[in-house]
Structure formats: structure tokens, C-alpha cells
Amino acid sequence: MTHTIHPRPGEVSLESLLAIFYTDALELGRFEHRQSERIPESYRRLLSHSSHMTVTVESFYKDRVEVRVLRSQSSDLVYCREILLSTQATGKVVQYGIVRLKLDLISQPARSEILSESKPLGRVLIEREILREVQLFDLYKVSCGPRLAEFFGVQQGACTFGRTALIYCDREPAIELLEIVAPNSA
């Protein structure tokens, strides 16, 4: 398992993100690339955009979300975490994610808050007023493997959808993301 940044700045590799925490990606799920028009409308609204997922998921569920960090690792330059977002009111898990960020591109106050693992990443960036742009990379149909099924409380093989994205902070590619929404988010 590694937390090196993908060698080509401005790109996001699904395989590279999965390899941070999984030696066998099938443990998490099976990923099939999908065009936006081949994704059901409710999932498309959640995923096919250039906004923070924190804001999008909170708007969709009409509730604030909280982060639970499952695993994290860091070096002087890179911080990675595997997370779940759940609604405050019900505790329902609504999103799974893997985050890899370049620490040197995040201001010290925001970096400290991110490393405290107490708030969703999007909320920290918004509250700290960090100039950011979210770039959608790819959309995926995801068949839940044993770990993802456990996280979402569904049967292994249940279908959902996800995306990879890149967040630019102050015009620099700073944060790579894999974001998967809970099955039946319709």
C-alpha cells in the first residue's frame, strides 16, 4: 500500500487511489467506467457535477453529514484517508471515499483541521475559504465487494455508482478523490 501522488499532475487514477488501502481492489468492489447518460438520474445528480460532494450530499439528504475516518496515513508531503459520510439525524452511511491530498498545497490552519479528522474535507475547504475548483474525472458503476457492502449495509454485489475527481486549491492540483454514493440513493 502506498500514498505517493499519481505521477502525472492534473490526473486521477482509480487504481492508484484504490491501491492506497487495498492490495485487491475487488475487496472494495468491481468498477465499470460509465458515461454520464448511462447512469440513473438520481445518481447522476449526486455525482456528475463539479461541486463538493459534502454540499451535494447534504442538499440531497436535507441533513448535514459527519465524517468517520476508517483509516489514514501520512508523510511530510501527502495525507490519505478512507472515509464514510453519514447523516447527522439518522447516522445512515451515504458516501464512501478515498482522499489523497498534497499537504504543502493546503494552508496550515486548514491542514490542521483536516488532519484532526473531525470534519468532512469539503466543509473544511469551504469554511476556510480556500480558492478551489472541483474537476470531475470519471464516473463508475460499482458492484459492492465485501468491504463496501459492509460499509453500506447491503448485500455483496449490490449496485451503486461513484466518481473520481480532482480538487485544485489556489489553482494547483491538490486533492484526488474517489467518491461512491450509497446504493438506493434514489
N, C-alpha and C. Protein backbone atom coordinates (compact mmCIF):
# COMPACT_ATOMS: atom_id res chain seq x y z
N MET A 1 0.84 -1.17 0.00
CA MET A 1 0.00 0.00 0.00
C MET A 1 0.89 1.24 0.00
N THR A 2 0.46 2.22 -0.76
CA THR A 2 1.31 3.39 -0.96
C THR A 2 0.48 4.66 -0.88
N HIS A 3 1.14 5.75 -0.60
CA HIS A 3 0.44 7.03 -0.62
C HIS A 3 1.22 8.06 -1.42
N THR A 4 1.94 7.60 -2.44
CA THR A 4 2.62 8.55 -3.31
C THR A 4 1.59 9.18 -4.24
N ILE A 5 1.86 10.39 -4.63
CA ILE A 5 0.96 11.08 -5.54
C ILE A 5 1.10 10.48 -6.93
N HIS A 6 -0.02 10.39 -7.64
CA HIS A 6 -0.01 9.89 -9.01
C HIS A 6 1.01 10.70 -9.80
N PRO A 7 1.83 10.06 -10.63
CA PRO A 7 2.95 10.73 -11.27
C PRO A 7 2.60 11.88 -12.22
N ARG A 8 1.37 11.92 -12.74
CA ARG A 8 1.02 12.99 -13.67
C ARG A 8 0.09 13.99 -13.00
N PRO A 9 0.59 15.16 -12.64
CA PRO A 9 -0.28 16.16 -12.01
C PRO A 9 -1.47 16.48 -12.90
N GLY A 10 -2.60 16.70 -12.29
CA GLY A 10 -3.79 17.03 -13.06
C GLY A 10 -4.57 15.82 -13.53
N GLU A 11 -4.19 14.62 -13.09
CA GLU A 11 -4.91 13.40 -13.45
C GLU A 11 -5.25 12.64 -12.18
N VAL A 12 -6.28 11.80 -12.27
CA VAL A 12 -6.68 10.97 -11.15
C VAL A 12 -6.76 9.53 -11.65
N SER A 13 -6.10 8.63 -10.96
CA SER A 13 -6.09 7.22 -11.31
C SER A 13 -6.89 6.44 -10.28
N LEU A 14 -7.97 5.79 -10.73
CA LEU A 14 -8.77 4.96 -9.84
C LEU A 14 -7.90 3.89 -9.19
N GLU A 15 -7.08 3.22 -9.99
CA GLU A 15 -6.24 2.14 -9.49
C GLU A 15 -5.27 2.64 -8.43
N SER A 16 -4.70 3.81 -8.66
CA SER A 16 -3.75 4.39 -7.71
C SER A 16 -4.42 4.73 -6.38
N LEU A 17 -5.63 5.26 -6.44
CA LEU A 17 -6.36 5.57 -5.21
C LEU A 17 -6.74 4.30 -4.46
N LEU A 18 -7.23 3.30 -5.17
CA LEU A 18 -7.60 2.03 -4.52
C LEU A 18 -6.40 1.37 -3.87
N ALA A 19 -5.24 1.47 -4.51
CA ALA A 19 -4.03 0.81 -4.00
C ALA A 19 -3.53 1.40 -2.68
N ILE A 20 -4.01 2.58 -2.32
CA ILE A 20 -3.60 3.17 -1.04
C ILE A 20 -4.00 2.25 0.11
N PHE A 21 -5.21 1.71 0.05
CA PHE A 21 -5.73 0.92 1.16
C PHE A 21 -6.07 -0.53 0.81
N TYR A 22 -6.03 -0.89 -0.47
CA TYR A 22 -6.44 -2.23 -0.88
C TYR A 22 -5.40 -2.88 -1.79
N THR A 23 -4.89 -4.04 -1.37
CA THR A 23 -4.00 -4.80 -2.25
C THR A 23 -4.82 -5.51 -3.33
N ASP A 24 -6.08 -5.81 -3.03
CA ASP A 24 -7.01 -6.40 -4.00
C ASP A 24 -8.22 -5.49 -4.10
N ALA A 25 -8.33 -4.75 -5.20
CA ALA A 25 -9.41 -3.78 -5.37
C ALA A 25 -10.79 -4.43 -5.31
N LEU A 26 -10.88 -5.72 -5.67
CA LEU A 26 -12.17 -6.41 -5.65
C LEU A 26 -12.72 -6.55 -4.23
N GLU A 27 -11.86 -6.41 -3.23
CA GLU A 27 -12.31 -6.42 -1.84
C GLU A 27 -13.28 -5.25 -1.62
N LEU A 28 -13.02 -4.13 -2.29
CA LEU A 28 -13.91 -2.98 -2.19
C LEU A 28 -15.06 -3.11 -3.17
N GLY A 29 -14.74 -3.39 -4.45
CA GLY A 29 -15.80 -3.51 -5.45
C GLY A 29 -15.25 -3.69 -6.84
N ARG A 30 -16.17 -3.91 -7.77
CA ARG A 30 -15.84 -4.02 -9.19
C ARG A 30 -16.31 -2.72 -9.85
N PHE A 31 -15.41 -2.08 -10.57
CA PHE A 31 -15.67 -0.77 -11.15
C PHE A 31 -15.77 -0.87 -12.67
N GLU A 32 -16.85 -0.30 -13.23
CA GLU A 32 -17.03 -0.25 -14.68
C GLU A 32 -17.24 1.21 -15.07
N HIS A 33 -16.37 1.71 -15.94
CA HIS A 33 -16.48 3.10 -16.40
C HIS A 33 -17.84 3.30 -17.07
N ARG A 34 -18.47 4.44 -16.79
CA ARG A 34 -19.78 4.77 -17.37
C ARG A 34 -19.78 6.22 -17.82
N GLN A 35 -20.44 6.47 -18.95
CA GLN A 35 -20.72 7.83 -19.39
C GLN A 35 -21.89 8.36 -18.55
N SER A 36 -21.95 9.64 -18.38
CA SER A 36 -22.98 10.27 -17.54
C SER A 36 -24.39 9.84 -17.95
N GLU A 37 -24.65 9.80 -19.25
CA GLU A 37 -26.01 9.46 -19.71
C GLU A 37 -26.39 8.00 -19.44
N ARG A 38 -25.44 7.17 -19.05
CA ARG A 38 -25.72 5.76 -18.74
C ARG A 38 -25.85 5.52 -17.23
N ILE A 39 -26.00 6.59 -16.49
CA ILE A 39 -26.17 6.50 -15.04
C ILE A 39 -27.58 6.98 -14.70
N PRO A 40 -28.31 6.25 -13.84
CA PRO A 40 -29.66 6.70 -13.46
C PRO A 40 -29.65 8.15 -12.96
N GLU A 41 -30.73 8.85 -13.26
CA GLU A 41 -30.82 10.29 -12.99
C GLU A 41 -30.48 10.67 -11.56
N SER A 42 -31.01 9.96 -10.57
CA SER A 42 -30.76 10.35 -9.17
C SER A 42 -29.28 10.24 -8.83
N TYR A 43 -28.61 9.20 -9.33
CA TYR A 43 -27.17 9.06 -9.09
C TYR A 43 -26.40 10.12 -9.87
N ARG A 44 -26.87 10.42 -11.08
CA ARG A 44 -26.20 11.43 -11.90
C ARG A 44 -26.22 12.78 -11.19
N ARG A 45 -27.37 13.12 -10.58
CA ARG A 45 -27.44 14.39 -9.84
C ARG A 45 -26.45 14.43 -8.68
N LEU A 46 -26.22 13.28 -8.06
CA LEU A 46 -25.28 13.21 -6.94
C LEU A 46 -23.82 13.25 -7.38
N LEU A 47 -23.52 12.78 -8.59
CA LEU A 47 -22.13 12.56 -8.98
C LEU A 47 -21.61 13.37 -10.16
N SER A 48 -22.45 13.64 -11.14
CA SER A 48 -21.97 14.24 -12.39
C SER A 48 -22.04 15.77 -12.32
N HIS A 49 -21.11 16.35 -11.60
CA HIS A 49 -21.06 17.79 -11.41
C HIS A 49 -19.65 18.17 -10.95
N SER A 50 -19.41 19.45 -10.86
CA SER A 50 -18.11 19.96 -10.41
C SER A 50 -18.26 20.71 -9.10
N SER A 51 -18.93 20.08 -8.15
CA SER A 51 -19.13 20.67 -6.83
C SER A 51 -18.60 19.72 -5.77
N HIS A 52 -18.49 20.23 -4.55
CA HIS A 52 -18.07 19.38 -3.43
C HIS A 52 -19.18 18.37 -3.14
N MET A 53 -18.80 17.12 -2.91
CA MET A 53 -19.78 16.10 -2.57
C MET A 53 -20.42 16.39 -1.21
N THR A 54 -19.69 17.00 -0.30
CA THR A 54 -20.26 17.32 1.02
C THR A 54 -21.53 18.15 0.83
N VAL A 55 -21.44 19.20 0.05
CA VAL A 55 -22.58 20.10 -0.19
C VAL A 55 -23.68 19.36 -0.93
N THR A 56 -23.31 18.61 -1.96
CA THR A 56 -24.29 17.90 -2.78
C THR A 56 -25.05 16.86 -1.97
N VAL A 57 -24.35 16.08 -1.18
CA VAL A 57 -24.98 15.03 -0.37
C VAL A 57 -25.87 15.66 0.71
N GLU A 58 -25.40 16.74 1.33
CA GLU A 58 -26.22 17.40 2.35
C GLU A 58 -27.50 17.96 1.74
N SER A 59 -27.41 18.52 0.56
CA SER A 59 -28.59 19.04 -0.12
C SER A 59 -29.55 17.90 -0.50
N PHE A 60 -29.01 16.81 -1.00
CA PHE A 60 -29.82 15.67 -1.42
C PHE A 60 -30.58 15.05 -0.24
N TYR A 61 -29.89 14.87 0.88
CA TYR A 61 -30.49 14.24 2.05
C TYR A 61 -31.13 15.24 3.02
N LYS A 62 -30.98 16.53 2.72
CA LYS A 62 -31.54 17.60 3.56
C LYS A 62 -31.11 17.45 5.02
N ASP A 63 -29.82 17.18 5.19
CA ASP A 63 -29.24 16.99 6.52
C ASP A 63 -27.73 17.19 6.41
N ARG A 64 -27.12 17.68 7.46
CA ARG A 64 -25.66 17.76 7.49
C ARG A 64 -25.07 16.37 7.58
N VAL A 65 -23.84 16.24 7.08
CA VAL A 65 -23.17 14.94 7.17
C VAL A 65 -21.96 15.05 8.08
N GLU A 66 -21.62 13.92 8.68
CA GLU A 66 -20.45 13.82 9.54
C GLU A 66 -19.49 12.83 8.90
N VAL A 67 -18.21 13.02 9.18
CA VAL A 67 -17.19 12.13 8.62
C VAL A 67 -16.75 11.11 9.67
N ARG A 68 -16.52 9.90 9.22
CA ARG A 68 -15.88 8.87 10.04
C ARG A 68 -14.67 8.38 9.26
N VAL A 69 -13.49 8.61 9.81
CA VAL A 69 -12.27 8.17 9.14
C VAL A 69 -12.01 6.73 9.53
N LEU A 70 -12.00 5.86 8.53
CA LEU A 70 -11.78 4.43 8.75
C LEU A 70 -10.29 4.13 8.92
N ARG A 71 -9.49 4.70 8.03
CA ARG A 71 -8.03 4.54 8.07
C ARG A 71 -7.40 5.79 7.49
N SER A 72 -6.21 6.10 7.97
CA SER A 72 -5.47 7.23 7.39
C SER A 72 -3.98 6.94 7.48
N GLN A 73 -3.24 7.63 6.64
CA GLN A 73 -1.78 7.55 6.66
C GLN A 73 -1.24 8.86 6.12
N SER A 74 -0.06 9.23 6.57
CA SER A 74 0.50 10.48 6.09
C SER A 74 2.02 10.43 6.11
N SER A 75 2.57 11.32 5.32
CA SER A 75 4.01 11.57 5.30
C SER A 75 4.15 13.08 5.39
N ASP A 76 5.36 13.58 5.18
CA ASP A 76 5.55 15.03 5.21
C ASP A 76 4.78 15.73 4.09
N LEU A 77 4.58 15.03 2.98
CA LEU A 77 4.00 15.66 1.80
C LEU A 77 2.56 15.26 1.50
N VAL A 78 2.16 14.06 1.91
CA VAL A 78 0.88 13.51 1.47
C VAL A 78 0.09 12.96 2.66
N TYR A 79 -1.21 13.22 2.63
CA TYR A 79 -2.13 12.66 3.63
C TYR A 79 -3.22 11.92 2.88
N CYS A 80 -3.51 10.69 3.31
CA CYS A 80 -4.55 9.87 2.69
C CYS A 80 -5.51 9.41 3.76
N ARG A 81 -6.78 9.32 3.38
CA ARG A 81 -7.74 8.76 4.32
C ARG A 81 -8.87 8.05 3.57
N GLU A 82 -9.38 7.02 4.23
CA GLU A 82 -10.55 6.28 3.77
C GLU A 82 -11.68 6.68 4.70
N ILE A 83 -12.81 7.12 4.13
CA ILE A 83 -13.85 7.72 4.97
C ILE A 83 -15.26 7.21 4.64
N LEU A 84 -16.15 7.44 5.58
CA LEU A 84 -17.58 7.31 5.37
C LEU A 84 -18.22 8.63 5.77
N LEU A 85 -19.21 9.07 5.01
CA LEU A 85 -20.04 10.20 5.41
C LEU A 85 -21.40 9.64 5.80
N SER A 86 -21.93 10.12 6.92
CA SER A 86 -23.26 9.69 7.36
C SER A 86 -24.07 10.91 7.77
N THR A 87 -25.39 10.79 7.66
CA THR A 87 -26.25 11.90 8.03
C THR A 87 -26.28 12.06 9.54
N GLN A 88 -26.38 13.31 9.99
CA GLN A 88 -26.42 13.58 11.43
C GLN A 88 -27.68 13.02 12.08
N ALA A 89 -28.82 13.20 11.42
CA ALA A 89 -30.10 12.84 12.04
C ALA A 89 -30.26 11.34 12.24
N THR A 90 -29.87 10.55 11.22
CA THR A 90 -30.13 9.10 11.28
C THR A 90 -28.87 8.25 11.40
N GLY A 91 -27.72 8.84 11.10
CA GLY A 91 -26.48 8.06 11.10
C GLY A 91 -26.33 7.17 9.89
N LYS A 92 -27.24 7.30 8.91
CA LYS A 92 -27.19 6.49 7.69
C LYS A 92 -25.93 6.82 6.89
N VAL A 93 -25.17 5.79 6.51
CA VAL A 93 -23.99 6.00 5.67
C VAL A 93 -24.46 6.32 4.26
N VAL A 94 -24.04 7.48 3.75
CA VAL A 94 -24.50 7.93 2.44
C VAL A 94 -23.37 8.03 1.42
N GLN A 95 -22.12 7.96 1.87
CA GLN A 95 -21.00 8.05 0.93
C GLN A 95 -19.76 7.38 1.52
N TYR A 96 -19.01 6.73 0.63
CA TYR A 96 -17.70 6.16 0.93
C TYR A 96 -16.69 6.96 0.13
N GLY A 97 -15.47 7.12 0.65
CA GLY A 97 -14.47 7.84 -0.12
C GLY A 97 -13.04 7.50 0.24
N ILE A 98 -12.16 7.74 -0.72
CA ILE A 98 -10.72 7.72 -0.51
C ILE A 98 -10.21 9.09 -0.94
N VAL A 99 -9.41 9.70 -0.09
CA VAL A 99 -8.86 11.03 -0.32
C VAL A 99 -7.34 10.95 -0.27
N ARG A 100 -6.68 11.61 -1.22
CA ARG A 100 -5.22 11.76 -1.17
C ARG A 100 -4.93 13.23 -1.45
N LEU A 101 -4.27 13.89 -0.48
CA LEU A 101 -4.01 15.31 -0.69
C LEU A 101 -2.55 15.67 -0.43
N LYS A 102 -2.13 16.66 -1.17
CA LYS A 102 -0.77 17.20 -1.04
C LYS A 102 -0.80 18.23 0.08
N LEU A 103 -0.15 17.92 1.18
CA LEU A 103 -0.20 18.78 2.36
C LEU A 103 0.40 20.16 2.12
N ASP A 104 1.43 20.24 1.29
CA ASP A 104 2.09 21.53 1.07
C ASP A 104 1.22 22.52 0.29
N LEU A 105 0.12 22.06 -0.30
CA LEU A 105 -0.75 22.95 -1.06
C LEU A 105 -1.97 23.40 -0.25
N ILE A 106 -2.02 23.02 1.02
CA ILE A 106 -3.12 23.39 1.90
C ILE A 106 -2.57 24.29 3.00
N SER A 107 -3.26 25.41 3.28
CA SER A 107 -2.80 26.33 4.32
C SER A 107 -2.71 25.61 5.67
N GLN A 108 -1.84 26.10 6.54
CA GLN A 108 -1.63 25.45 7.83
C GLN A 108 -2.91 25.30 8.66
N PRO A 109 -3.74 26.36 8.78
CA PRO A 109 -4.96 26.18 9.58
C PRO A 109 -5.88 25.09 9.01
N ALA A 110 -6.06 25.09 7.69
CA ALA A 110 -6.91 24.07 7.06
C ALA A 110 -6.27 22.69 7.19
N ARG A 111 -4.97 22.62 7.00
CA ARG A 111 -4.25 21.34 7.13
C ARG A 111 -4.45 20.75 8.52
N SER A 112 -4.31 21.57 9.55
CA SER A 112 -4.50 21.09 10.93
C SER A 112 -5.92 20.57 11.14
N GLU A 113 -6.89 21.28 10.58
CA GLU A 113 -8.28 20.86 10.73
C GLU A 113 -8.55 19.56 9.99
N ILE A 114 -7.98 19.42 8.80
CA ILE A 114 -8.13 18.18 8.03
C ILE A 114 -7.49 17.02 8.78
N LEU A 115 -6.28 17.23 9.29
CA LEU A 115 -5.57 16.16 10.00
C LEU A 115 -6.24 15.79 11.32
N SER A 116 -7.08 16.67 11.86
CA SER A 116 -7.82 16.33 13.08
C SER A 116 -8.91 15.29 12.81
N GLU A 117 -9.26 15.13 11.54
CA GLU A 117 -10.23 14.12 11.07
C GLU A 117 -11.61 14.27 11.69
N SER A 118 -11.99 15.52 12.00
CA SER A 118 -13.26 15.75 12.67
C SER A 118 -14.36 16.31 11.77
N LYS A 119 -14.00 16.78 10.57
CA LYS A 119 -14.98 17.37 9.66
C LYS A 119 -14.79 16.81 8.26
N PRO A 120 -15.88 16.79 7.46
CA PRO A 120 -15.72 16.43 6.05
C PRO A 120 -14.77 17.42 5.37
N LEU A 121 -13.98 16.91 4.46
CA LEU A 121 -12.98 17.71 3.75
C LEU A 121 -13.61 18.93 3.07
N GLY A 122 -14.71 18.72 2.35
CA GLY A 122 -15.36 19.83 1.66
C GLY A 122 -15.75 20.95 2.59
N ARG A 123 -16.25 20.60 3.77
CA ARG A 123 -16.65 21.63 4.73
C ARG A 123 -15.45 22.44 5.19
N VAL A 124 -14.32 21.77 5.44
CA VAL A 124 -13.11 22.49 5.86
C VAL A 124 -12.69 23.48 4.78
N LEU A 125 -12.64 23.04 3.53
CA LEU A 125 -12.20 23.92 2.44
C LEU A 125 -13.14 25.10 2.27
N ILE A 126 -14.44 24.86 2.40
CA ILE A 126 -15.42 25.94 2.27
C ILE A 126 -15.32 26.91 3.43
N GLU A 127 -15.30 26.40 4.65
CA GLU A 127 -15.24 27.28 5.83
C GLU A 127 -13.94 28.08 5.87
N ARG A 128 -12.85 27.52 5.39
CA ARG A 128 -11.56 28.22 5.37
C ARG A 128 -11.41 29.12 4.15
N GLU A 129 -12.45 29.14 3.31
CA GLU A 129 -12.48 29.99 2.11
C GLU A 129 -11.26 29.78 1.22
N ILE A 130 -10.89 28.53 1.04
CA ILE A 130 -9.77 28.20 0.16
C ILE A 130 -10.28 28.24 -1.27
N LEU A 131 -9.59 28.99 -2.14
CA LEU A 131 -9.95 29.06 -3.54
C LEU A 131 -9.81 27.67 -4.13
N ARG A 132 -10.91 27.11 -4.61
CA ARG A 132 -10.88 25.73 -5.08
C ARG A 132 -11.77 25.54 -6.30
N GLU A 133 -11.41 24.54 -7.06
CA GLU A 133 -12.18 24.13 -8.23
C GLU A 133 -12.21 22.61 -8.22
N VAL A 134 -13.40 22.04 -8.38
CA VAL A 134 -13.54 20.59 -8.41
C VAL A 134 -13.68 20.16 -9.86
N GLN A 135 -12.80 19.25 -10.29
CA GLN A 135 -12.85 18.73 -11.65
C GLN A 135 -13.27 17.27 -11.62
N LEU A 136 -14.43 16.98 -12.21
CA LEU A 136 -14.90 15.61 -12.34
C LEU A 136 -14.02 14.88 -13.35
N PHE A 137 -13.57 13.68 -13.01
CA PHE A 137 -12.78 12.89 -13.95
C PHE A 137 -13.60 11.80 -14.59
N ASP A 138 -13.93 10.76 -13.84
CA ASP A 138 -14.64 9.62 -14.40
C ASP A 138 -15.80 9.22 -13.51
N LEU A 139 -16.80 8.61 -14.13
CA LEU A 139 -17.95 8.05 -13.42
C LEU A 139 -17.89 6.54 -13.55
N TYR A 140 -18.37 5.84 -12.52
CA TYR A 140 -18.29 4.38 -12.49
C TYR A 140 -19.58 3.77 -11.97
N LYS A 141 -19.94 2.62 -12.55
CA LYS A 141 -20.90 1.72 -11.93
C LYS A 141 -20.07 0.84 -11.01
N VAL A 142 -20.53 0.67 -9.78
CA VAL A 142 -19.76 -0.08 -8.78
C VAL A 142 -20.61 -1.23 -8.25
N SER A 143 -20.07 -2.45 -8.38
CA SER A 143 -20.68 -3.61 -7.74
C SER A 143 -19.96 -3.80 -6.41
N CYS A 144 -20.69 -3.71 -5.33
CA CYS A 144 -20.08 -3.73 -4.00
C CYS A 144 -19.38 -5.05 -3.70
N GLY A 145 -18.10 -4.95 -3.35
CA GLY A 145 -17.36 -6.08 -2.84
C GLY A 145 -17.66 -6.22 -1.35
N PRO A 146 -17.01 -7.18 -0.68
CA PRO A 146 -17.33 -7.42 0.73
C PRO A 146 -17.17 -6.21 1.64
N ARG A 147 -16.12 -5.42 1.46
CA ARG A 147 -15.90 -4.26 2.34
C ARG A 147 -16.94 -3.16 2.10
N LEU A 148 -17.17 -2.82 0.83
CA LEU A 148 -18.13 -1.76 0.52
C LEU A 148 -19.54 -2.18 0.93
N ALA A 149 -19.89 -3.45 0.71
CA ALA A 149 -21.20 -3.95 1.14
C ALA A 149 -21.35 -3.81 2.66
N GLU A 150 -20.29 -4.13 3.38
CA GLU A 150 -20.32 -3.99 4.85
C GLU A 150 -20.51 -2.52 5.25
N PHE A 151 -19.77 -1.61 4.61
CA PHE A 151 -19.87 -0.19 4.94
C PHE A 151 -21.29 0.34 4.72
N PHE A 152 -21.91 -0.07 3.59
CA PHE A 152 -23.24 0.43 3.24
C PHE A 152 -24.37 -0.41 3.84
N GLY A 153 -24.05 -1.55 4.42
CA GLY A 153 -25.09 -2.40 5.00
C GLY A 153 -25.98 -3.04 3.94
N VAL A 154 -25.36 -3.47 2.82
CA VAL A 154 -26.11 -4.08 1.72
C VAL A 154 -25.49 -5.44 1.38
N GLN A 155 -26.14 -6.17 0.49
CA GLN A 155 -25.61 -7.45 0.05
C GLN A 155 -24.41 -7.23 -0.87
N GLN A 156 -23.43 -8.12 -0.80
CA GLN A 156 -22.31 -8.09 -1.72
C GLN A 156 -22.87 -8.19 -3.14
N GLY A 157 -22.34 -7.40 -4.06
CA GLY A 157 -22.82 -7.38 -5.43
C GLY A 157 -23.86 -6.29 -5.69
N ALA A 158 -24.37 -5.66 -4.63
CA ALA A 158 -25.33 -4.56 -4.81
C ALA A 158 -24.69 -3.50 -5.70
N CYS A 159 -25.50 -2.88 -6.53
CA CYS A 159 -25.00 -1.90 -7.50
C CYS A 159 -25.16 -0.48 -6.97
N THR A 160 -24.13 0.31 -7.18
CA THR A 160 -24.19 1.74 -6.89
C THR A 160 -23.30 2.45 -7.90
N PHE A 161 -23.01 3.72 -7.66
CA PHE A 161 -22.22 4.50 -8.60
C PHE A 161 -21.24 5.39 -7.85
N GLY A 162 -20.17 5.75 -8.54
CA GLY A 162 -19.15 6.59 -7.93
C GLY A 162 -18.43 7.44 -8.96
N ARG A 163 -17.46 8.19 -8.48
CA ARG A 163 -16.70 9.07 -9.38
C ARG A 163 -15.30 9.27 -8.85
N THR A 164 -14.42 9.68 -9.75
CA THR A 164 -13.12 10.21 -9.36
C THR A 164 -13.14 11.70 -9.70
N ALA A 165 -12.45 12.47 -8.88
CA ALA A 165 -12.41 13.91 -9.08
C ALA A 165 -11.09 14.45 -8.55
N LEU A 166 -10.79 15.66 -8.95
CA LEU A 166 -9.57 16.35 -8.53
C LEU A 166 -9.97 17.74 -8.05
N ILE A 167 -9.50 18.11 -6.88
CA ILE A 167 -9.75 19.46 -6.37
C ILE A 167 -8.47 20.27 -6.52
N TYR A 168 -8.59 21.39 -7.19
CA TYR A 168 -7.49 22.34 -7.31
C TYR A 168 -7.65 23.34 -6.17
N CYS A 169 -6.59 23.58 -5.43
CA CYS A 169 -6.58 24.59 -4.38
C CYS A 169 -5.62 25.69 -4.83
N ASP A 170 -6.11 26.90 -4.92
CA ASP A 170 -5.32 28.02 -5.43
C ASP A 170 -4.66 27.65 -6.76
N ARG A 171 -5.45 27.02 -7.62
CA ARG A 171 -5.09 26.65 -9.00
C ARG A 171 -4.07 25.52 -9.12
N GLU A 172 -3.75 24.85 -8.02
CA GLU A 172 -2.81 23.72 -8.04
C GLU A 172 -3.58 22.42 -7.78
N PRO A 173 -3.27 21.34 -8.55
CA PRO A 173 -3.94 20.06 -8.30
C PRO A 173 -3.53 19.50 -6.94
N ALA A 174 -4.44 19.57 -5.98
CA ALA A 174 -4.06 19.30 -4.59
C ALA A 174 -4.70 18.05 -3.98
N ILE A 175 -5.90 17.69 -4.43
CA ILE A 175 -6.63 16.62 -3.75
C ILE A 175 -7.27 15.68 -4.76
N GLU A 176 -6.90 14.40 -4.68
CA GLU A 176 -7.50 13.37 -5.53
C GLU A 176 -8.58 12.65 -4.72
N LEU A 177 -9.69 12.32 -5.38
CA LEU A 177 -10.83 11.74 -4.68
C LEU A 177 -11.43 10.55 -5.42
N LEU A 178 -11.83 9.55 -4.66
CA LEU A 178 -12.76 8.52 -5.11
C LEU A 178 -13.97 8.67 -4.20
N GLU A 179 -15.15 8.86 -4.79
CA GLU A 179 -16.37 9.07 -4.02
C GLU A 179 -17.45 8.14 -4.54
N ILE A 180 -18.01 7.33 -3.65
CA ILE A 180 -19.04 6.35 -4.02
C ILE A 180 -20.26 6.61 -3.14
N VAL A 181 -21.42 6.81 -3.78
CA VAL A 181 -22.63 7.06 -3.01
C VAL A 181 -23.29 5.74 -2.65
N ALA A 182 -24.06 5.77 -1.57
CA ALA A 182 -24.74 4.57 -1.08
C ALA A 182 -25.72 4.04 -2.12
N PRO A 183 -25.85 2.71 -2.22
CA PRO A 183 -26.87 2.15 -3.12
C PRO A 183 -28.25 2.66 -2.71
N ASN A 184 -29.15 2.69 -3.67
CA ASN A 184 -30.53 3.14 -3.43
C ASN A 184 -30.58 4.59 -2.97
N SER A 185 -29.69 5.41 -3.52
CA SER A 185 -29.70 6.84 -3.19
C SER A 185 -30.75 7.57 -4.01
N ALA A 186 -31.67 6.82 -4.59
CA ALA A 186 -32.70 7.44 -5.44
C ALA A 186 -33.86 7.93 -4.61
